[in-house]
């Protein structure tokens, strides 16, 4: 079972009652995965209006349903031109109130700043992205200033919601620049014995996401319990396996889990801010 890196510290209690949601790190192209994109619409929950006392009693839109966000990856980025299949898929998803995140590959800090901004502009102009998924985001302290600069610029452009796709625990300073950090992305074999960094207990669960592949159906509940215990407010769990030749887990996220309905029913229809 997973635990905090300082398990004897009783001040860090498990988040057993934490509301959870689903983050989709990137289904295949809508032309190749129409069922997957249709399922995003089905479980999005749509929008409702809530009386908002903090804003003069105005009726503020509120997203319902378990889906927190979904990543659009046209061709390891936005592609060279607007994609005729991705345009309507992105528009329909955004109409439900689900955050649409453009995929930006940081290459662990090796991609030039200008290239990343160029991709970001395309996502915003063509697909009206609500934010960005910074894939292969660096984790070490030395690259923190560059990542902060990128995050600040993306927010200034209008890409408000930022998810840093580290895949492991980064230096704590990264939490200051992201809305959410992916602190685990990998296999069930690794996840079931994983440890969560103690500093994460200083932040609410909505600041963290876990992505786990190769989870057998019989261990689905256990995987979700680990996510709650470690304080991850957003999860994606699948029985799909990563392509061994690719060396990454990306292929595991491209299709629906075999137990998709079970995940949706377990996570429920809680309201997400």
C-alpha atoms as a PDB file:
ATOM      1  CA  UNK A   1       0.000   0.000   0.000  1.00  0.00           C
ATOM      2  CA  UNK A   2       1.212   3.516  -0.778  1.00  0.00           C
ATOM      3  CA  UNK A   3       1.962   6.020   1.954  1.00  0.00           C
ATOM      4  CA  UNK A   4       3.454   9.392   2.709  1.00  0.00           C
ATOM      5  CA  UNK A   5       7.218   9.536   2.697  1.00  0.00           C
ATOM      6  CA  UNK A   6       6.968  10.300   6.423  1.00  0.00           C
ATOM      7  CA  UNK A   7       4.249   7.792   7.423  1.00  0.00           C
ATOM      8  CA  UNK A   8       4.645   8.422  11.138  1.00  0.00           C
ATOM      9  CA  UNK A   9       3.599  12.070  10.824  1.00  0.00           C
ATOM     10  CA  UNK A  10       0.023  12.022  12.092  1.00  0.00           C
ATOM     11  CA  UNK A  11      -0.610  15.615  10.981  1.00  0.00           C
ATOM     12  CA  UNK A  12      -0.935  14.389   7.401  1.00  0.00           C
ATOM     13  CA  UNK A  13      -4.242  12.538   7.322  1.00  0.00           C
ATOM     14  CA  UNK A  14      -5.485  10.557   4.308  1.00  0.00           C
ATOM     15  CA  UNK A  15      -8.080  12.231   2.095  1.00  0.00           C
ATOM     16  CA  UNK A  16     -10.612   9.395   2.215  1.00  0.00           C
ATOM     17  CA  UNK A  17     -13.620  11.682   1.653  1.00  0.00           C
ATOM     18  CA  UNK A  18     -12.073  13.835  -1.064  1.00  0.00           C
ATOM     19  CA  UNK A  19     -14.324  14.469  -4.083  1.00  0.00           C
ATOM     20  CA  UNK A  20     -12.605  13.113  -7.161  1.00  0.00           C
ATOM     21  CA  UNK A  21     -12.859  13.685 -10.863  1.00  0.00           C
ATOM     22  CA  UNK A  22     -11.508  12.377 -14.147  1.00  0.00           C
ATOM     23  CA  UNK A  23      -8.785  13.980 -16.235  1.00  0.00           C
ATOM     24  CA  UNK A  24      -8.278  12.549 -19.716  1.00  0.00           C
ATOM     25  CA  UNK A  25      -4.640  12.938 -20.811  1.00  0.00           C
ATOM     26  CA  UNK A  26      -5.353  12.488 -24.494  1.00  0.00           C
ATOM     27  CA  UNK A  27      -7.628  10.176 -26.449  1.00  0.00           C
ATOM     28  CA  UNK A  28      -6.655   9.314 -30.005  1.00  0.00           C
ATOM     29  CA  UNK A  29      -7.677  11.582 -32.886  1.00  0.00           C
ATOM     30  CA  UNK A  30     -11.509  11.917 -33.080  1.00  0.00           C
ATOM     31  CA  UNK A  31     -11.505  10.247 -36.488  1.00  0.00           C
ATOM     32  CA  UNK A  32      -9.808   7.176 -35.002  1.00  0.00           C
ATOM     33  CA  UNK A  33     -11.593   7.245 -31.641  1.00  0.00           C
ATOM     34  CA  UNK A  34     -15.157   8.512 -32.184  1.00  0.00           C
ATOM     35  CA  UNK A  35     -16.516   6.378 -29.341  1.00  0.00           C
ATOM     36  CA  UNK A  36     -14.036   7.841 -26.893  1.00  0.00           C
ATOM     37  CA  UNK A  37     -14.905  11.431 -27.779  1.00  0.00           C
ATOM     38  CA  UNK A  38     -18.626  10.658 -27.625  1.00  0.00           C
ATOM     39  CA  UNK A  39     -18.129   9.280 -24.120  1.00  0.00           C
ATOM     40  CA  UNK A  40     -16.532  12.533 -23.034  1.00  0.00           C
ATOM     41  CA  UNK A  41     -19.732  14.322 -23.983  1.00  0.00           C
ATOM     42  CA  UNK A  42     -21.888  11.705 -22.280  1.00  0.00           C
ATOM     43  CA  UNK A  43     -20.172  11.948 -18.911  1.00  0.00           C
ATOM     44  CA  UNK A  44     -19.427  15.677 -18.963  1.00  0.00           C
ATOM     45  CA  UNK A  45     -22.625  16.516 -17.111  1.00  0.00           C
ATOM     46  CA  UNK A  46     -23.121  19.824 -18.925  1.00  0.00           C
ATOM     47  CA  UNK A  47     -23.655  23.200 -17.286  1.00  0.00           C
ATOM     48  CA  UNK A  48     -26.117  24.430 -14.707  1.00  0.00           C
ATOM     49  CA  UNK A  49     -26.677  27.929 -13.327  1.00  0.00           C
ATOM     50  CA  UNK A  50     -26.083  28.617  -9.649  1.00  0.00           C
ATOM     51  CA  UNK A  51     -27.007  31.733  -7.702  1.00  0.00           C
ATOM     52  CA  UNK A  52     -23.674  33.283  -6.773  1.00  0.00           C
ATOM     53  CA  UNK A  53     -23.895  35.459  -3.656  1.00  0.00           C
ATOM     54  CA  UNK A  54     -20.272  36.542  -4.031  1.00  0.00           C
ATOM     55  CA  UNK A  55     -20.997  38.241  -7.355  1.00  0.00           C
ATOM     56  CA  UNK A  56     -24.113  40.257  -6.586  1.00  0.00           C
ATOM     57  CA  UNK A  57     -26.460  37.312  -6.810  1.00  0.00           C
ATOM     58  CA  UNK A  58     -25.694  36.695 -10.486  1.00  0.00           C
ATOM     59  CA  UNK A  59     -26.388  33.268 -11.910  1.00  0.00           C
ATOM     60  CA  UNK A  60     -22.947  31.789 -12.498  1.00  0.00           C
ATOM     61  CA  UNK A  61     -22.375  28.775 -14.786  1.00  0.00           C
ATOM     62  CA  UNK A  62     -21.250  25.695 -12.910  1.00  0.00           C
ATOM     63  CA  UNK A  63     -19.935  22.496 -14.487  1.00  0.00           C
ATOM     64  CA  UNK A  64     -21.376  19.216 -13.271  1.00  0.00           C
ATOM     65  CA  UNK A  65     -20.270  15.642 -13.813  1.00  0.00           C
ATOM     66  CA  UNK A  66     -17.040  13.805 -13.072  1.00  0.00           C
ATOM     67  CA  UNK A  67     -14.967  15.048 -16.016  1.00  0.00           C
ATOM     68  CA  UNK A  68     -12.485  17.738 -14.924  1.00  0.00           C
ATOM     69  CA  UNK A  69     -10.586  18.239 -18.175  1.00  0.00           C
ATOM     70  CA  UNK A  70      -9.544  16.563 -21.416  1.00  0.00           C
ATOM     71  CA  UNK A  71      -6.421  17.043 -23.503  1.00  0.00           C
ATOM     72  CA  UNK A  72      -6.543  17.668 -27.248  1.00  0.00           C
ATOM     73  CA  UNK A  73      -3.454  16.381 -29.042  1.00  0.00           C
ATOM     74  CA  UNK A  74      -3.859  16.740 -32.795  1.00  0.00           C
ATOM     75  CA  UNK A  75      -0.372  15.729 -33.945  1.00  0.00           C
ATOM     76  CA  UNK A  76       1.972  15.941 -30.973  1.00  0.00           C
ATOM     77  CA  UNK A  77       0.661  19.469 -30.743  1.00  0.00           C
ATOM     78  CA  UNK A  78      -1.923  21.540 -32.660  1.00  0.00           C
ATOM     79  CA  UNK A  79      -0.780  20.461 -36.115  1.00  0.00           C
ATOM     80  CA  UNK A  80       0.100  22.639 -39.085  1.00  0.00           C
ATOM     81  CA  UNK A  81      -3.479  23.747 -39.814  1.00  0.00           C
ATOM     82  CA  UNK A  82      -6.926  23.504 -38.188  1.00  0.00           C
ATOM     83  CA  UNK A  83      -8.050  19.883 -38.226  1.00  0.00           C
ATOM     84  CA  UNK A  84     -11.596  19.464 -39.658  1.00  0.00           C
ATOM     85  CA  UNK A  85     -12.347  16.579 -37.286  1.00  0.00           C
ATOM     86  CA  UNK A  86     -10.866  18.094 -34.142  1.00  0.00           C
ATOM     87  CA  UNK A  87     -12.596  21.456 -34.570  1.00  0.00           C
ATOM     88  CA  UNK A  88     -16.167  20.182 -34.033  1.00  0.00           C
ATOM     89  CA  UNK A  89     -15.083  17.678 -31.364  1.00  0.00           C
ATOM     90  CA  UNK A  90     -13.369  20.439 -29.385  1.00  0.00           C
ATOM     91  CA  UNK A  91     -16.301  22.828 -29.785  1.00  0.00           C
ATOM     92  CA  UNK A  92     -18.865  20.277 -28.603  1.00  0.00           C
ATOM     93  CA  UNK A  93     -16.797  19.408 -25.546  1.00  0.00           C
ATOM     94  CA  UNK A  94     -16.247  23.029 -24.585  1.00  0.00           C
ATOM     95  CA  UNK A  95     -19.986  23.695 -24.896  1.00  0.00           C
ATOM     96  CA  UNK A  96     -20.548  21.275 -22.018  1.00  0.00           C
ATOM     97  CA  UNK A  97     -18.250  23.307 -19.793  1.00  0.00           C
ATOM     98  CA  UNK A  98     -15.404  20.787 -19.670  1.00  0.00           C
ATOM     99  CA  UNK A  99     -11.960  22.340 -19.830  1.00  0.00           C
ATOM    100  CA  UNK A 100     -10.212  21.623 -23.110  1.00  0.00           C
ATOM    101  CA  UNK A 101      -6.426  21.612 -22.717  1.00  0.00           C
ATOM    102  CA  UNK A 102      -3.991  21.944 -25.577  1.00  0.00           C
ATOM    103  CA  UNK A 103      -1.062  19.516 -25.575  1.00  0.00           C
ATOM    104  CA  UNK A 104       2.343  21.202 -25.316  1.00  0.00           C
ATOM    105  CA  UNK A 105       5.359  18.890 -25.205  1.00  0.00           C
ATOM    106  CA  UNK A 106       8.083  20.523 -23.114  1.00  0.00           C
ATOM    107  CA  UNK A 107      10.565  17.708 -23.773  1.00  0.00           C
ATOM    108  CA  UNK A 108      11.711  17.875 -20.128  1.00  0.00           C
ATOM    109  CA  UNK A 109      12.740  21.468 -20.703  1.00  0.00           C
ATOM    110  CA  UNK A 110      14.510  21.047 -24.057  1.00  0.00           C
ATOM    111  CA  UNK A 111      11.923  22.592 -26.411  1.00  0.00           C
ATOM    112  CA  UNK A 112      12.548  26.231 -27.338  1.00  0.00           C
ATOM    113  CA  UNK A 113      10.311  28.831 -25.721  1.00  0.00           C
ATOM    114  CA  UNK A 114       9.268  30.216 -29.111  1.00  0.00           C
ATOM    115  CA  UNK A 115       8.092  26.828 -30.388  1.00  0.00           C
ATOM    116  CA  UNK A 116       5.926  26.308 -27.331  1.00  0.00           C
ATOM    117  CA  UNK A 117       4.345  29.739 -27.695  1.00  0.00           C
ATOM    118  CA  UNK A 118       3.687  29.134 -31.381  1.00  0.00           C
ATOM    119  CA  UNK A 119       1.835  25.921 -30.558  1.00  0.00           C
ATOM    120  CA  UNK A 120      -0.066  27.686 -27.785  1.00  0.00           C
ATOM    121  CA  UNK A 121      -1.238  30.455 -30.132  1.00  0.00           C
ATOM    122  CA  UNK A 122      -2.579  27.840 -32.564  1.00  0.00           C
ATOM    123  CA  UNK A 123      -4.503  26.023 -29.867  1.00  0.00           C
ATOM    124  CA  UNK A 124      -6.056  29.259 -28.674  1.00  0.00           C
ATOM    125  CA  UNK A 125      -6.874  30.603 -32.126  1.00  0.00           C
ATOM    126  CA  UNK A 126      -8.138  27.395 -33.718  1.00  0.00           C
ATOM    127  CA  UNK A 127      -9.601  25.359 -30.873  1.00  0.00           C
ATOM    128  CA  UNK A 128     -10.326  28.019 -28.223  1.00  0.00           C
ATOM    129  CA  UNK A 129      -8.399  26.012 -25.619  1.00  0.00           C
ATOM    130  CA  UNK A 130      -9.175  26.746 -21.970  1.00  0.00           C
ATOM    131  CA  UNK A 131      -5.615  26.001 -20.927  1.00  0.00           C
ATOM    132  CA  UNK A 132      -2.699  23.695 -21.533  1.00  0.00           C
ATOM    133  CA  UNK A 133      -1.294  20.312 -20.638  1.00  0.00           C
ATOM    134  CA  UNK A 134       2.479  20.729 -20.342  1.00  0.00           C
ATOM    135  CA  UNK A 135       3.570  17.217 -21.210  1.00  0.00           C
ATOM    136  CA  UNK A 136       6.997  15.976 -20.091  1.00  0.00           C
ATOM    137  CA  UNK A 137       7.315  18.966 -17.811  1.00  0.00           C
ATOM    138  CA  UNK A 138      10.690  19.086 -16.044  1.00  0.00           C
ATOM    139  CA  UNK A 139      10.879  18.304 -12.349  1.00  0.00           C
ATOM    140  CA  UNK A 140      14.225  19.664 -11.126  1.00  0.00           C
ATOM    141  CA  UNK A 141      14.849  23.011  -9.496  1.00  0.00           C
ATOM    142  CA  UNK A 142      17.247  24.310 -12.142  1.00  0.00           C
ATOM    143  CA  UNK A 143      14.511  24.461 -14.802  1.00  0.00           C
ATOM    144  CA  UNK A 144      11.922  25.997 -12.515  1.00  0.00           C
ATOM    145  CA  UNK A 145      12.539  29.625 -13.643  1.00  0.00           C
ATOM    146  CA  UNK A 146      12.048  28.689 -17.320  1.00  0.00           C
ATOM    147  CA  UNK A 147       8.840  26.837 -16.518  1.00  0.00           C
ATOM    148  CA  UNK A 148       7.541  29.760 -14.481  1.00  0.00           C
ATOM    149  CA  UNK A 149       8.262  32.084 -17.374  1.00  0.00           C
ATOM    150  CA  UNK A 150       6.338  29.832 -19.745  1.00  0.00           C
ATOM    151  CA  UNK A 151       3.395  29.509 -17.353  1.00  0.00           C
ATOM    152  CA  UNK A 152       3.183  33.271 -16.849  1.00  0.00           C
ATOM    153  CA  UNK A 153       3.242  33.871 -20.601  1.00  0.00           C
ATOM    154  CA  UNK A 154       0.585  31.230 -21.288  1.00  0.00           C
ATOM    155  CA  UNK A 155      -1.747  32.784 -18.743  1.00  0.00           C
ATOM    156  CA  UNK A 156      -1.182  36.214 -20.297  1.00  0.00           C
ATOM    157  CA  UNK A 157      -2.167  34.786 -23.687  1.00  0.00           C
ATOM    158  CA  UNK A 158      -5.462  33.556 -22.262  1.00  0.00           C
ATOM    159  CA  UNK A 159      -4.612  29.909 -21.586  1.00  0.00           C
ATOM    160  CA  UNK A 160      -5.805  30.095 -18.020  1.00  0.00           C
ATOM    161  CA  UNK A 161      -5.780  26.530 -16.689  1.00  0.00           C
ATOM    162  CA  UNK A 162      -2.403  24.787 -16.588  1.00  0.00           C
ATOM    163  CA  UNK A 163      -1.672  21.147 -15.810  1.00  0.00           C
ATOM    164  CA  UNK A 164       1.992  20.238 -15.479  1.00  0.00           C
ATOM    165  CA  UNK A 165       2.487  16.674 -16.731  1.00  0.00           C
ATOM    166  CA  UNK A 166       5.546  15.770 -14.667  1.00  0.00           C
ATOM    167  CA  UNK A 167       4.624  12.133 -14.109  1.00  0.00           C
ATOM    168  CA  UNK A 168       6.527  12.122 -10.811  1.00  0.00           C
ATOM    169  CA  UNK A 169       6.977  14.450  -7.861  1.00  0.00           C
ATOM    170  CA  UNK A 170       8.723  17.672  -8.924  1.00  0.00           C
ATOM    171  CA  UNK A 171      10.469  20.270  -6.832  1.00  0.00           C
ATOM    172  CA  UNK A 172       7.751  21.873  -4.637  1.00  0.00           C
ATOM    173  CA  UNK A 173       8.264  25.230  -6.333  1.00  0.00           C
ATOM    174  CA  UNK A 174       6.402  24.021  -9.436  1.00  0.00           C
ATOM    175  CA  UNK A 175       3.158  24.069  -7.442  1.00  0.00           C
ATOM    176  CA  UNK A 176       3.307  27.875  -7.431  1.00  0.00           C
ATOM    177  CA  UNK A 177       2.870  28.078 -11.223  1.00  0.00           C
ATOM    178  CA  UNK A 178       0.377  25.311 -12.042  1.00  0.00           C
ATOM    179  CA  UNK A 179      -3.282  24.748 -11.333  1.00  0.00           C
ATOM    180  CA  UNK A 180      -2.592  21.039 -11.123  1.00  0.00           C
ATOM    181  CA  UNK A 181       0.479  18.800 -11.017  1.00  0.00           C
ATOM    182  CA  UNK A 182       0.576  15.243 -12.341  1.00  0.00           C
ATOM    183  CA  UNK A 183       2.682  13.640  -9.626  1.00  0.00           C
ATOM    184  CA  UNK A 184       2.243  10.075 -10.861  1.00  0.00           C
ATOM    185  CA  UNK A 185       1.932   8.685 -14.394  1.00  0.00           C
ATOM    186  CA  UNK A 186       2.786   5.039 -14.842  1.00  0.00           C
ATOM    187  CA  UNK A 187       1.841   1.431 -14.350  1.00  0.00           C
ATOM    188  CA  UNK A 188      -0.219  -0.238 -11.654  1.00  0.00           C
ATOM    189  CA  UNK A 189       2.801  -2.329 -10.700  1.00  0.00           C
ATOM    190  CA  UNK A 190       4.576   0.887  -9.675  1.00  0.00           C
ATOM    191  CA  UNK A 191       1.545   2.734  -8.339  1.00  0.00           C
ATOM    192  CA  UNK A 192       0.460   0.150  -5.784  1.00  0.00           C
ATOM    193  CA  UNK A 193       3.783   0.598  -3.940  1.00  0.00           C
ATOM    194  CA  UNK A 194       4.240   4.296  -4.643  1.00  0.00           C
ATOM    195  CA  UNK A 195       5.023   6.937  -2.052  1.00  0.00           C
ATOM    196  CA  UNK A 196       3.676  10.458  -2.015  1.00  0.00           C
ATOM    197  CA  UNK A 197       5.996  13.364  -1.211  1.00  0.00           C
ATOM    198  CA  UNK A 198       5.322  14.884   2.179  1.00  0.00           C
ATOM    199  CA  UNK A 199       5.151  18.451   0.852  1.00  0.00           C
ATOM    200  CA  UNK A 200       1.975  17.648  -1.119  1.00  0.00           C
ATOM    201  CA  UNK A 201       0.022  17.519   2.160  1.00  0.00           C
ATOM    202  CA  UNK A 202       0.305  21.323   2.297  1.00  0.00           C
ATOM    203  CA  UNK A 203      -1.985  21.632  -0.744  1.00  0.00           C
ATOM    204  CA  UNK A 204      -5.618  20.624  -1.367  1.00  0.00           C
ATOM    205  CA  UNK A 205      -6.346  17.489  -3.448  1.00  0.00           C
ATOM    206  CA  UNK A 206      -7.555  19.477  -6.458  1.00  0.00           C
ATOM    207  CA  UNK A 207      -3.946  20.472  -7.057  1.00  0.00           C
ATOM    208  CA  UNK A 208      -2.871  16.907  -7.933  1.00  0.00           C
ATOM    209  CA  UNK A 209      -3.596  14.305 -10.578  1.00  0.00           C
ATOM    210  CA  UNK A 210      -2.603  10.637 -10.895  1.00  0.00           C
ATOM    211  CA  UNK A 211      -2.616   8.645 -14.163  1.00  0.00           C
ATOM    212  CA  UNK A 212      -2.370   4.873 -13.857  1.00  0.00           C
ATOM    213  CA  UNK A 213      -2.353   2.294 -16.638  1.00  0.00           C
ATOM    214  CA  UNK A 214      -2.395  -1.518 -16.683  1.00  0.00           C
ATOM    215  CA  UNK A 215      -4.822  -1.702 -13.739  1.00  0.00           C
ATOM    216  CA  UNK A 216      -6.780  -4.985 -13.710  1.00  0.00           C
ATOM    217  CA  UNK A 217     -10.516  -4.632 -13.124  1.00  0.00           C
ATOM    218  CA  UNK A 218     -10.140  -6.521  -9.857  1.00  0.00           C
ATOM    219  CA  UNK A 219      -7.813  -3.788  -8.547  1.00  0.00           C
ATOM    220  CA  UNK A 220      -9.813  -0.751  -9.698  1.00  0.00           C
ATOM    221  CA  UNK A 221     -11.202   0.020  -6.244  1.00  0.00           C
ATOM    222  CA  UNK A 222      -7.763  -0.342  -4.695  1.00  0.00           C
ATOM    223  CA  UNK A 223      -6.279   2.089  -7.220  1.00  0.00           C
ATOM    224  CA  UNK A 224      -8.963   4.673  -6.430  1.00  0.00           C
ATOM    225  CA  UNK A 225      -8.365   4.220  -2.707  1.00  0.00           C
ATOM    226  CA  UNK A 226      -4.658   4.899  -3.202  1.00  0.00           C
ATOM    227  CA  UNK A 227      -5.515   8.086  -5.111  1.00  0.00           C
ATOM    228  CA  UNK A 228      -7.734   9.252  -2.257  1.00  0.00           C
ATOM    229  CA  UNK A 229      -5.137   8.352   0.355  1.00  0.00           C
ATOM    230  CA  UNK A 230      -2.420  10.236  -1.485  1.00  0.00           C
ATOM    231  CA  UNK A 231      -4.639  13.277  -1.950  1.00  0.00           C
ATOM    232  CA  UNK A 232      -5.132  13.234  -5.740  1.00  0.00           C
ATOM    233  CA  UNK A 233      -8.283  15.132  -6.670  1.00  0.00           C
ATOM    234  CA  UNK A 234      -8.185  14.063 -10.331  1.00  0.00           C
ATOM    235  CA  UNK A 235      -7.449  10.585 -11.676  1.00  0.00           C
ATOM    236  CA  UNK A 236      -7.373   8.543 -14.841  1.00  0.00           C
ATOM    237  CA  UNK A 237      -7.212   4.788 -14.389  1.00  0.00           C
ATOM    238  CA  UNK A 238      -7.184   2.299 -17.242  1.00  0.00           C
ATOM    239  CA  UNK A 239      -6.618  -1.363 -17.968  1.00  0.00           C
ATOM    240  CA  UNK A 240      -4.903  -0.411 -21.243  1.00  0.00           C
ATOM    241  CA  UNK A 241      -1.182  -1.071 -21.393  1.00  0.00           C
ATOM    242  CA  UNK A 242       1.587   1.127 -22.694  1.00  0.00           C
ATOM    243  CA  UNK A 243       3.319   0.058 -25.892  1.00  0.00           C
ATOM    244  CA  UNK A 244       6.590  -1.500 -24.784  1.00  0.00           C
ATOM    245  CA  UNK A 245       8.444  -0.302 -27.872  1.00  0.00           C
ATOM    246  CA  UNK A 246       7.376   3.304 -27.379  1.00  0.00           C
ATOM    247  CA  UNK A 247       8.977   3.638 -23.997  1.00  0.00           C
ATOM    248  CA  UNK A 248       6.180   5.933 -22.764  1.00  0.00           C
ATOM    249  CA  UNK A 249       2.700   5.486 -21.340  1.00  0.00           C
ATOM    250  CA  UNK A 250       1.053   7.679 -23.975  1.00  0.00           C
ATOM    251  CA  UNK A 251      -0.491   4.781 -25.892  1.00  0.00           C
ATOM    252  CA  UNK A 252      -2.287   3.610 -22.778  1.00  0.00           C
ATOM    253  CA  UNK A 253      -4.429   6.752 -22.668  1.00  0.00           C
ATOM    254  CA  UNK A 254      -5.634   6.748 -26.280  1.00  0.00           C
ATOM    255  CA  UNK A 255      -8.596   4.366 -25.876  1.00  0.00           C
ATOM    256  CA  UNK A 256     -11.332   3.919 -23.290  1.00  0.00           C
ATOM    257  CA  UNK A 257     -10.657   1.647 -20.334  1.00  0.00           C
ATOM    258  CA  UNK A 258     -12.605  -1.592 -20.492  1.00  0.00           C
ATOM    259  CA  UNK A 259     -14.316  -0.564 -17.246  1.00  0.00           C
ATOM    260  CA  UNK A 260     -15.017   3.072 -18.157  1.00  0.00           C
ATOM    261  CA  UNK A 261     -18.612   2.937 -16.875  1.00  0.00           C
ATOM    262  CA  UNK A 262     -17.377   1.548 -13.564  1.00  0.00           C
ATOM    263  CA  UNK A 263     -14.956   4.460 -13.155  1.00  0.00           C
ATOM    264  CA  UNK A 264     -17.630   7.036 -13.941  1.00  0.00           C
ATOM    265  CA  UNK A 265     -20.131   5.455 -11.536  1.00  0.00           C
ATOM    266  CA  UNK A 266     -17.568   5.188  -8.725  1.00  0.00           C
ATOM    267  CA  UNK A 267     -16.384   8.752  -9.046  1.00  0.00           C
ATOM    268  CA  UNK A 268     -19.956   9.978  -9.341  1.00  0.00           C
ATOM    269  CA  UNK A 269     -21.522  13.216 -10.437  1.00  0.00           C
ATOM    270  CA  UNK A 270     -19.971  15.631  -7.983  1.00  0.00           C
ATOM    271  CA  UNK A 271     -19.726  19.305  -8.848  1.00  0.00           C
ATOM    272  CA  UNK A 272     -16.300  20.565  -9.866  1.00  0.00           C
ATOM    273  CA  UNK A 273     -15.256  24.185  -9.641  1.00  0.00           C
END
